[in-house]
Amino acid sequence: MKDPKRLERFQRWRAVFDTPAGKSVLDDLREMCGQDAPTATLGARDGMIDPYCTLLKEGRRTVFLDIESCLREPPELPEGEVDEGTY
């Protein structure tokens, strides 16, 4: 059984991102969110890893990963189970 909310979201997001313009925006987001770059960042003063900047970059990357996961077909849910997702 598919969760109707996740299925509806999947259909809306695919309608947007499956267009040429949507694919271009997705590529822009991939770059802006640092999907293909390391998130660990060295501090300017001491050369040690800056946990705050690293967490900021990881948060951006997570946004892109969430978008990407919404574009994959929602998984089947076991009978009687309800998706408690945040979307």
PDB file of N, CA and C in Angstrom:
ATOM      1  N   MET A   1       0.844  -1.172   0.000  1.00  0.00           N
ATOM      2  CA  MET A   1       0.000   0.000   0.000  1.00  0.00           C
ATOM      3  C   MET A   1       0.892   1.238   0.000  1.00  0.00           C
ATOM      4  N   LYS A   2       0.588   2.183  -0.855  1.00  0.00           N
ATOM      5  CA  LYS A   2       1.357   3.416  -0.898  1.00  0.00           C
ATOM      6  C   LYS A   2       0.675   4.467  -0.032  1.00  0.00           C
ATOM      7  N   ASP A   3       1.483   5.256   0.643  1.00  0.00           N
ATOM      8  CA  ASP A   3       0.955   6.349   1.450  1.00  0.00           C
ATOM      9  C   ASP A   3       0.456   7.435   0.490  1.00  0.00           C
ATOM     10  N   PRO A   4      -0.809   7.818   0.547  1.00  0.00           N
ATOM     11  CA  PRO A   4      -1.364   8.791  -0.397  1.00  0.00           C
ATOM     12  C   PRO A   4      -0.660  10.143  -0.358  1.00  0.00           C
ATOM     13  N   LYS A   5      -0.251  10.607   0.832  1.00  0.00           N
ATOM     14  CA  LYS A   5       0.443  11.898   0.925  1.00  0.00           C
ATOM     15  C   LYS A   5       1.793  11.857   0.225  1.00  0.00           C
ATOM     16  N   ARG A   6       2.538  10.771   0.459  1.00  0.00           N
ATOM     17  CA  ARG A   6       3.852  10.653  -0.183  1.00  0.00           C
ATOM     18  C   ARG A   6       3.705  10.485  -1.690  1.00  0.00           C
ATOM     19  N   LEU A   7       2.697   9.744  -2.112  1.00  0.00           N
ATOM     20  CA  LEU A   7       2.476   9.552  -3.539  1.00  0.00           C
ATOM     21  C   LEU A   7       2.114  10.877  -4.213  1.00  0.00           C
ATOM     22  N   GLU A   8       1.254  11.647  -3.566  1.00  0.00           N
ATOM     23  CA  GLU A   8       0.867  12.950  -4.119  1.00  0.00           C
ATOM     24  C   GLU A   8       2.079  13.888  -4.196  1.00  0.00           C
ATOM     25  N   ARG A   9       2.891  13.917  -3.140  1.00  0.00           N
ATOM     26  CA  ARG A   9       4.097  14.747  -3.141  1.00  0.00           C
ATOM     27  C   ARG A   9       5.043  14.311  -4.253  1.00  0.00           C
ATOM     28  N   PHE A  10       5.233  13.001  -4.373  1.00  0.00           N
ATOM     29  CA  PHE A  10       6.097  12.463  -5.421  1.00  0.00           C
ATOM     30  C   PHE A  10       5.625  12.927  -6.798  1.00  0.00           C
ATOM     31  N   GLN A  11       4.332  12.848  -7.057  1.00  0.00           N
ATOM     32  CA  GLN A  11       3.787  13.243  -8.358  1.00  0.00           C
ATOM     33  C   GLN A  11       3.972  14.743  -8.612  1.00  0.00           C
ATOM     34  N   ARG A  12       3.739  15.585  -7.590  1.00  0.00           N
ATOM     35  CA  ARG A  12       3.920  17.035  -7.741  1.00  0.00           C
ATOM     36  C   ARG A  12       5.374  17.386  -8.014  1.00  0.00           C
ATOM     37  N   TRP A  13       6.268  16.821  -7.218  1.00  0.00           N
ATOM     38  CA  TRP A  13       7.680  17.154  -7.365  1.00  0.00           C
ATOM     39  C   TRP A  13       8.229  16.648  -8.693  1.00  0.00           C
ATOM     40  N   ARG A  14       7.806  15.436  -9.098  1.00  0.00           N
ATOM     41  CA  ARG A  14       8.277  14.927 -10.391  1.00  0.00           C
ATOM     42  C   ARG A  14       7.762  15.781 -11.542  1.00  0.00           C
ATOM     43  N   ALA A  15       6.526  16.290 -11.432  1.00  0.00           N
ATOM     44  CA  ALA A  15       5.980  17.152 -12.483  1.00  0.00           C
ATOM     45  C   ALA A  15       6.838  18.404 -12.646  1.00  0.00           C
ATOM     46  N   VAL A  16       7.366  18.902 -11.558  1.00  0.00           N
ATOM     47  CA  VAL A  16       8.205  20.108 -11.606  1.00  0.00           C
ATOM     48  C   VAL A  16       9.617  19.782 -12.078  1.00  0.00           C
ATOM     49  N   PHE A  17      10.252  18.784 -11.446  1.00  0.00           N
ATOM     50  CA  PHE A  17      11.666  18.529 -11.701  1.00  0.00           C
ATOM     51  C   PHE A  17      11.932  17.654 -12.917  1.00  0.00           C
ATOM     52  N   ASP A  18      10.908  17.073 -13.543  1.00  0.00           N
ATOM     53  CA  ASP A  18      11.121  16.277 -14.753  1.00  0.00           C
ATOM     54  C   ASP A  18      11.095  17.121 -16.028  1.00  0.00           C
ATOM     55  N   THR A  19      10.951  18.421 -15.902  1.00  0.00           N
ATOM     56  CA  THR A  19      11.002  19.315 -17.062  1.00  0.00           C
ATOM     57  C   THR A  19      12.454  19.727 -17.286  1.00  0.00           C
ATOM     58  N   PRO A  20      12.796  20.217 -18.483  1.00  0.00           N
ATOM     59  CA  PRO A  20      14.166  20.708 -18.697  1.00  0.00           C
ATOM     60  C   PRO A  20      14.549  21.822 -17.713  1.00  0.00           C
ATOM     61  N   ALA A  21      13.635  22.756 -17.458  1.00  0.00           N
ATOM     62  CA  ALA A  21      13.922  23.828 -16.507  1.00  0.00           C
ATOM     63  C   ALA A  21      14.096  23.260 -15.103  1.00  0.00           C
ATOM     64  N   GLY A  22      13.252  22.312 -14.721  1.00  0.00           N
ATOM     65  CA  GLY A  22      13.355  21.694 -13.406  1.00  0.00           C
ATOM     66  C   GLY A  22      14.665  20.955 -13.221  1.00  0.00           C
ATOM     67  N   LYS A  23      15.127  20.272 -14.255  1.00  0.00           N
ATOM     68  CA  LYS A  23      16.416  19.562 -14.180  1.00  0.00           C
ATOM     69  C   LYS A  23      17.562  20.552 -14.028  1.00  0.00           C
ATOM     70  N   SER A  24      17.445  21.704 -14.703  1.00  0.00           N
ATOM     71  CA  SER A  24      18.458  22.743 -14.569  1.00  0.00           C
ATOM     72  C   SER A  24      18.473  23.314 -13.152  1.00  0.00           C
ATOM     73  N   VAL A  25      17.292  23.537 -12.580  1.00  0.00           N
ATOM     74  CA  VAL A  25      17.193  24.024 -11.201  1.00  0.00           C
ATOM     75  C   VAL A  25      17.776  22.986 -10.244  1.00  0.00           C
ATOM     76  N   LEU A  26      17.487  21.717 -10.468  1.00  0.00           N
ATOM     77  CA  LEU A  26      18.027  20.657  -9.619  1.00  0.00           C
ATOM     78  C   LEU A  26      19.554  20.639  -9.676  1.00  0.00           C
ATOM     79  N   ASP A  27      20.119  20.843 -10.866  1.00  0.00           N
ATOM     80  CA  ASP A  27      21.578  20.930 -11.002  1.00  0.00           C
ATOM     81  C   ASP A  27      22.123  22.134 -10.231  1.00  0.00           C
ATOM     82  N   ASP A  28      21.422  23.270 -10.316  1.00  0.00           N
ATOM     83  CA  ASP A  28      21.832  24.458  -9.563  1.00  0.00           C
ATOM     84  C   ASP A  28      21.788  24.185  -8.063  1.00  0.00           C
ATOM     85  N   LEU A  29      20.714  23.539  -7.608  1.00  0.00           N
ATOM     86  CA  LEU A  29      20.579  23.222  -6.189  1.00  0.00           C
ATOM     87  C   LEU A  29      21.677  22.263  -5.730  1.00  0.00           C
ATOM     88  N   ARG A  30      22.017  21.312  -6.589  1.00  0.00           N
ATOM     89  CA  ARG A  30      23.087  20.365  -6.253  1.00  0.00           C
ATOM     90  C   ARG A  30      24.373  21.136  -5.949  1.00  0.00           C
ATOM     91  N   GLU A  31      24.680  22.109  -6.781  1.00  0.00           N
ATOM     92  CA  GLU A  31      25.897  22.906  -6.587  1.00  0.00           C
ATOM     93  C   GLU A  31      25.762  23.835  -5.376  1.00  0.00           C
ATOM     94  N   MET A  32      24.631  24.536  -5.264  1.00  0.00           N
ATOM     95  CA  MET A  32      24.424  25.485  -4.170  1.00  0.00           C
ATOM     96  C   MET A  32      24.434  24.796  -2.807  1.00  0.00           C
ATOM     97  N   CYS A  33      23.914  23.583  -2.752  1.00  0.00           N
ATOM     98  CA  CYS A  33      23.828  22.853  -1.487  1.00  0.00           C
ATOM     99  C   CYS A  33      25.084  22.051  -1.180  1.00  0.00           C
ATOM    100  N   GLY A  34      26.060  22.079  -2.094  1.00  0.00           N
ATOM    101  CA  GLY A  34      27.328  21.397  -1.856  1.00  0.00           C
ATOM    102  C   GLY A  34      27.223  19.891  -1.838  1.00  0.00           C
ATOM    103  N   GLN A  35      26.321  19.341  -2.643  1.00  0.00           N
ATOM    104  CA  GLN A  35      26.104  17.898  -2.653  1.00  0.00           C
ATOM    105  C   GLN A  35      27.379  17.128  -2.976  1.00  0.00           C
ATOM    106  N   ASP A  36      28.193  17.647  -3.883  1.00  0.00           N
ATOM    107  CA  ASP A  36      29.376  16.909  -4.323  1.00  0.00           C
ATOM    108  C   ASP A  36      30.668  17.428  -3.699  1.00  0.00           C
ATOM    109  N   ALA A  37      30.543  18.211  -2.630  1.00  0.00           N
ATOM    110  CA  ALA A  37      31.722  18.783  -1.972  1.00  0.00           C
ATOM    111  C   ALA A  37      31.794  18.275  -0.529  1.00  0.00           C
ATOM    112  N   PRO A  38      33.000  18.218   0.014  1.00  0.00           N
ATOM    113  CA  PRO A  38      33.107  17.798   1.415  1.00  0.00           C
ATOM    114  C   PRO A  38      32.473  18.845   2.332  1.00  0.00           C
ATOM    115  N   THR A  39      31.912  18.399   3.436  1.00  0.00           N
ATOM    116  CA  THR A  39      31.267  19.332   4.351  1.00  0.00           C
ATOM    117  C   THR A  39      32.181  19.735   5.504  1.00  0.00           C
ATOM    118  N   ALA A  40      33.188  18.943   5.808  1.00  0.00           N
ATOM    119  CA  ALA A  40      34.116  19.308   6.881  1.00  0.00           C
ATOM    120  C   ALA A  40      34.895  20.549   6.458  1.00  0.00           C
ATOM    121  N   THR A  41      34.932  21.550   7.345  1.00  0.00           N
ATOM    122  CA  THR A  41      35.559  22.829   7.023  1.00  0.00           C
ATOM    123  C   THR A  41      36.595  23.169   8.087  1.00  0.00           C
ATOM    124  N   LEU A  42      37.774  23.562   7.624  1.00  0.00           N
ATOM    125  CA  LEU A  42      38.826  23.955   8.554  1.00  0.00           C
ATOM    126  C   LEU A  42      38.642  25.407   8.950  1.00  0.00           C
ATOM    127  N   GLY A  43      38.876  25.692  10.221  1.00  0.00           N
ATOM    128  CA  GLY A  43      38.788  27.053  10.721  1.00  0.00           C
ATOM    129  C   GLY A  43      39.938  27.894  10.205  1.00  0.00           C
ATOM    130  N   ALA A  44      39.691  29.176   9.957  1.00  0.00           N
ATOM    131  CA  ALA A  44      40.706  30.072   9.412  1.00  0.00           C
ATOM    132  C   ALA A  44      41.800  30.373  10.435  1.00  0.00           C
ATOM    133  N   ARG A  45      41.446  30.429  11.704  1.00  0.00           N
ATOM    134  CA  ARG A  45      42.428  30.821  12.729  1.00  0.00           C
ATOM    135  C   ARG A  45      43.342  29.687  13.165  1.00  0.00           C
ATOM    136  N   ASP A  46      42.761  28.531  13.437  1.00  0.00           N
ATOM    137  CA  ASP A  46      43.578  27.467  14.035  1.00  0.00           C
ATOM    138  C   ASP A  46      43.780  26.252  13.128  1.00  0.00           C
ATOM    139  N   GLY A  47      43.136  26.211  11.981  1.00  0.00           N
ATOM    140  CA  GLY A  47      43.307  25.085  11.070  1.00  0.00           C
ATOM    141  C   GLY A  47      42.604  23.812  11.510  1.00  0.00           C
ATOM    142  N   MET A  48      41.860  23.893  12.605  1.00  0.00           N
ATOM    143  CA  MET A  48      41.106  22.746  13.092  1.00  0.00           C
ATOM    144  C   MET A  48      39.728  22.743  12.418  1.00  0.00           C
ATOM    145  N   ILE A  49      39.073  21.592  12.438  1.00  0.00           N
ATOM    146  CA  ILE A  49      37.742  21.511  11.843  1.00  0.00           C
ATOM    147  C   ILE A  49      36.789  22.408  12.625  1.00  0.00           C
ATOM    148  N   ASP A  50      36.081  23.259  11.907  1.00  0.00           N
ATOM    149  CA  ASP A  50      35.101  24.169  12.499  1.00  0.00           C
ATOM    150  C   ASP A  50      33.755  23.445  12.531  1.00  0.00           C
ATOM    151  N   PRO A  51      33.283  23.022  13.710  1.00  0.00           N
ATOM    152  CA  PRO A  51      32.048  22.233  13.767  1.00  0.00           C
ATOM    153  C   PRO A  51      30.818  23.023  13.329  1.00  0.00           C
ATOM    154  N   TYR A  52      30.789  24.326  13.587  1.00  0.00           N
ATOM    155  CA  TYR A  52      29.620  25.129  13.235  1.00  0.00           C
ATOM    156  C   TYR A  52      29.483  25.285  11.720  1.00  0.00           C
ATOM    157  N   CYS A  53      30.584  25.594  11.075  1.00  0.00           N
ATOM    158  CA  CYS A  53      30.560  25.725   9.613  1.00  0.00           C
ATOM    159  C   CYS A  53      30.290  24.367   8.957  1.00  0.00           C
ATOM    160  N   THR A  54      30.858  23.325   9.537  1.00  0.00           N
ATOM    161  CA  THR A  54      30.627  21.978   9.016  1.00  0.00           C
ATOM    162  C   THR A  54      29.151  21.611   9.120  1.00  0.00           C
ATOM    163  N   LEU A  55      28.533  21.916  10.264  1.00  0.00           N
ATOM    164  CA  LEU A  55      27.107  21.615  10.431  1.00  0.00           C
ATOM    165  C   LEU A  55      26.247  22.438   9.478  1.00  0.00           C
ATOM    166  N   LEU A  56      26.616  23.686   9.244  1.00  0.00           N
ATOM    167  CA  LEU A  56      25.884  24.515   8.295  1.00  0.00           C
ATOM    168  C   LEU A  56      25.919  23.883   6.897  1.00  0.00           C
ATOM    169  N   LYS A  57      27.111  23.484   6.470  1.00  0.00           N
ATOM    170  CA  LYS A  57      27.237  22.850   5.152  1.00  0.00           C
ATOM    171  C   LYS A  57      26.490  21.523   5.086  1.00  0.00           C
ATOM    172  N   GLU A  58      26.538  20.776   6.170  1.00  0.00           N
ATOM    173  CA  GLU A  58      25.828  19.488   6.196  1.00  0.00           C
ATOM    174  C   GLU A  58      24.323  19.715   6.129  1.00  0.00           C
ATOM    175  N   GLY A  59      23.833  20.787   6.761  1.00  0.00           N
ATOM    176  CA  GLY A  59      22.413  21.127   6.684  1.00  0.00           C
ATOM    177  C   GLY A  59      21.994  21.449   5.266  1.00  0.00           C
ATOM    178  N   ARG A  60      22.804  22.216   4.557  1.00  0.00           N
ATOM    179  CA  ARG A  60      22.505  22.527   3.150  1.00  0.00           C
ATOM    180  C   ARG A  60      22.460  21.253   2.320  1.00  0.00           C
ATOM    181  N   ARG A  61      23.450  20.409   2.547  1.00  0.00           N
ATOM    182  CA  ARG A  61      23.523  19.142   1.799  1.00  0.00           C
ATOM    183  C   ARG A  61      22.296  18.281   2.084  1.00  0.00           C
ATOM    184  N   THR A  62      21.841  18.274   3.325  1.00  0.00           N
ATOM    185  CA  THR A  62      20.669  17.487   3.715  1.00  0.00           C
ATOM    186  C   THR A  62      19.416  17.965   2.995  1.00  0.00           C
ATOM    187  N   VAL A  63      19.301  19.280   2.791  1.00  0.00           N
ATOM    188  CA  VAL A  63      18.153  19.813   2.047  1.00  0.00           C
ATOM    189  C   VAL A  63      18.123  19.203   0.652  1.00  0.00           C
ATOM    190  N   PHE A  64      19.258  19.188  -0.025  1.00  0.00           N
ATOM    191  CA  PHE A  64      19.296  18.612  -1.368  1.00  0.00           C
ATOM    192  C   PHE A  64      18.981  17.125  -1.335  1.00  0.00           C
ATOM    193  N   LEU A  65      19.530  16.410  -0.354  1.00  0.00           N
ATOM    194  CA  LEU A  65      19.252  14.978  -0.252  1.00  0.00           C
ATOM    195  C   LEU A  65      17.768  14.717  -0.016  1.00  0.00           C
ATOM    196  N   ASP A  66      17.116  15.586   0.772  1.00  0.00           N
ATOM    197  CA  ASP A  66      15.673  15.440   0.991  1.00  0.00           C
ATOM    198  C   ASP A  66      14.902  15.642  -0.305  1.00  0.00           C
ATOM    199  N   ILE A  67      15.291  16.643  -1.081  1.00  0.00           N
ATOM    200  CA  ILE A  67      14.635  16.882  -2.377  1.00  0.00           C
ATOM    201  C   ILE A  67      14.831  15.675  -3.275  1.00  0.00           C
ATOM    202  N   GLU A  68      16.060  15.202  -3.340  1.00  0.00           N
ATOM    203  CA  GLU A  68      16.370  14.043  -4.185  1.00  0.00           C
ATOM    204  C   GLU A  68      15.561  12.811  -3.760  1.00  0.00           C
ATOM    205  N   SER A  69      15.421  12.609  -2.456  1.00  0.00           N
ATOM    206  CA  SER A  69      14.674  11.433  -1.998  1.00  0.00           C
ATOM    207  C   SER A  69      13.186  11.568  -2.309  1.00  0.00           C
ATOM    208  N   CYS A  70      12.667  12.792  -2.323  1.00  0.00           N
ATOM    209  CA  CYS A  70      11.258  13.000  -2.671  1.00  0.00           C
ATOM    210  C   CYS A  70      10.991  12.708  -4.142  1.00  0.00           C
ATOM    211  N   LEU A  71      12.035  12.738  -4.951  1.00  0.00           N
ATOM    212  CA  LEU A  71      11.867  12.498  -6.384  1.00  0.00           C
ATOM    213  C   LEU A  71      11.906  11.014  -6.739  1.00  0.00           C
ATOM    214  N   ARG A  72      12.339  10.187  -5.772  1.00  0.00           N
ATOM    215  CA  ARG A  72      12.294   8.744  -5.987  1.00  0.00           C
ATOM    216  C   ARG A  72      10.896   8.248  -5.655  1.00  0.00           C
ATOM    217  N   GLU A  73      10.469   7.203  -6.302  1.00  0.00           N
ATOM    218  CA  GLU A  73       9.125   6.670  -6.041  1.00  0.00           C
ATOM    219  C   GLU A  73       9.007   6.265  -4.578  1.00  0.00           C
ATOM    220  N   PRO A  74       7.911   6.667  -3.932  1.00  0.00           N
ATOM    221  CA  PRO A  74       7.740   6.302  -2.526  1.00  0.00           C
ATOM    222  C   PRO A  74       7.735   4.787  -2.354  1.00  0.00           C
ATOM    223  N   PRO A  75       8.383   4.310  -1.301  1.00  0.00           N
ATOM    224  CA  PRO A  75       8.401   2.857  -1.078  1.00  0.00           C
ATOM    225  C   PRO A  75       7.040   2.359  -0.637  1.00  0.00           C
ATOM    226  N   GLU A  76       6.846   1.098  -0.853  1.00  0.00           N
ATOM    227  CA  GLU A  76       5.626   0.451  -0.371  1.00  0.00           C
ATOM    228  C   GLU A  76       5.663   0.413   1.152  1.00  0.00           C
ATOM    229  N   LEU A  77       4.547   0.667   1.763  1.00  0.00           N
ATOM    230  CA  LEU A  77       4.440   0.551   3.214  1.00  0.00           C
ATOM    231  C   LEU A  77       3.762  -0.767   3.554  1.00  0.00           C
ATOM    232  N   PRO A  78       4.226  -1.432   4.615  1.00  0.00           N
ATOM    233  CA  PRO A  78       3.536  -2.658   5.041  1.00  0.00           C
ATOM    234  C   PRO A  78       2.081  -2.348   5.380  1.00  0.00           C
ATOM    235  N   GLU A  79       1.225  -3.284   5.145  1.00  0.00           N
ATOM    236  CA  GLU A  79      -0.209  -3.109   5.407  1.00  0.00           C
ATOM    237  C   GLU A  79      -0.440  -2.619   6.829  1.00  0.00           C
ATOM    238  N   GLY A  80      -1.219  -1.546   6.963  1.00  0.00           N
ATOM    239  CA  GLY A  80      -1.569  -1.009   8.268  1.00  0.00           C
ATOM    240  C   GLY A  80      -0.577  -0.004   8.818  1.00  0.00           C
ATOM    241  N   GLU A  81       0.612   0.143   8.203  1.00  0.00           N
ATOM    242  CA  GLU A  81       1.599   1.096   8.695  1.00  0.00           C
ATOM    243  C   GLU A  81       1.341   2.457   8.066  1.00  0.00           C
ATOM    244  N   VAL A  82       1.511   3.515   8.843  1.00  0.00           N
ATOM    245  CA  VAL A  82       1.303   4.878   8.357  1.00  0.00           C
ATOM    246  C   VAL A  82       2.630   5.601   8.376  1.00  0.00           C
ATOM    247  N   ASP A  83       2.921   6.343   7.303  1.00  0.00           N
ATOM    248  CA  ASP A  83       4.150   7.123   7.233  1.00  0.00           C
ATOM    249  C   ASP A  83       4.003   8.356   8.116  1.00  0.00           C
ATOM    250  N   GLU A  84       4.932   8.531   9.042  1.00  0.00           N
ATOM    251  CA  GLU A  84       4.912   9.677   9.948  1.00  0.00           C
ATOM    252  C   GLU A  84       5.929  10.715   9.511  1.00  0.00           C
ATOM    253  N   GLY A  85       6.225  10.810   8.207  1.00  0.00           N
ATOM    254  CA  GLY A  85       7.227  11.736   7.685  1.00  0.00           C
ATOM    255  C   GLY A  85       6.907  13.188   7.993  1.00  0.00           C
ATOM    256  N   THR A  86       7.899  14.038   7.811  1.00  0.00           N
ATOM    257  CA  THR A  86       7.746  15.446   8.144  1.00  0.00           C
ATOM    258  C   THR A  86       7.265  16.274   6.967  1.00  0.00           C
ATOM    259  N   TYR A  87       7.055  15.666   5.842  1.00  0.00           N
ATOM    260  CA  TYR A  87       6.681  16.444   4.654  1.00  0.00           C
ATOM    261  C   TYR A  87       5.194  16.549   4.533  1.00  0.00           C
TER     262      TYR A  87
END
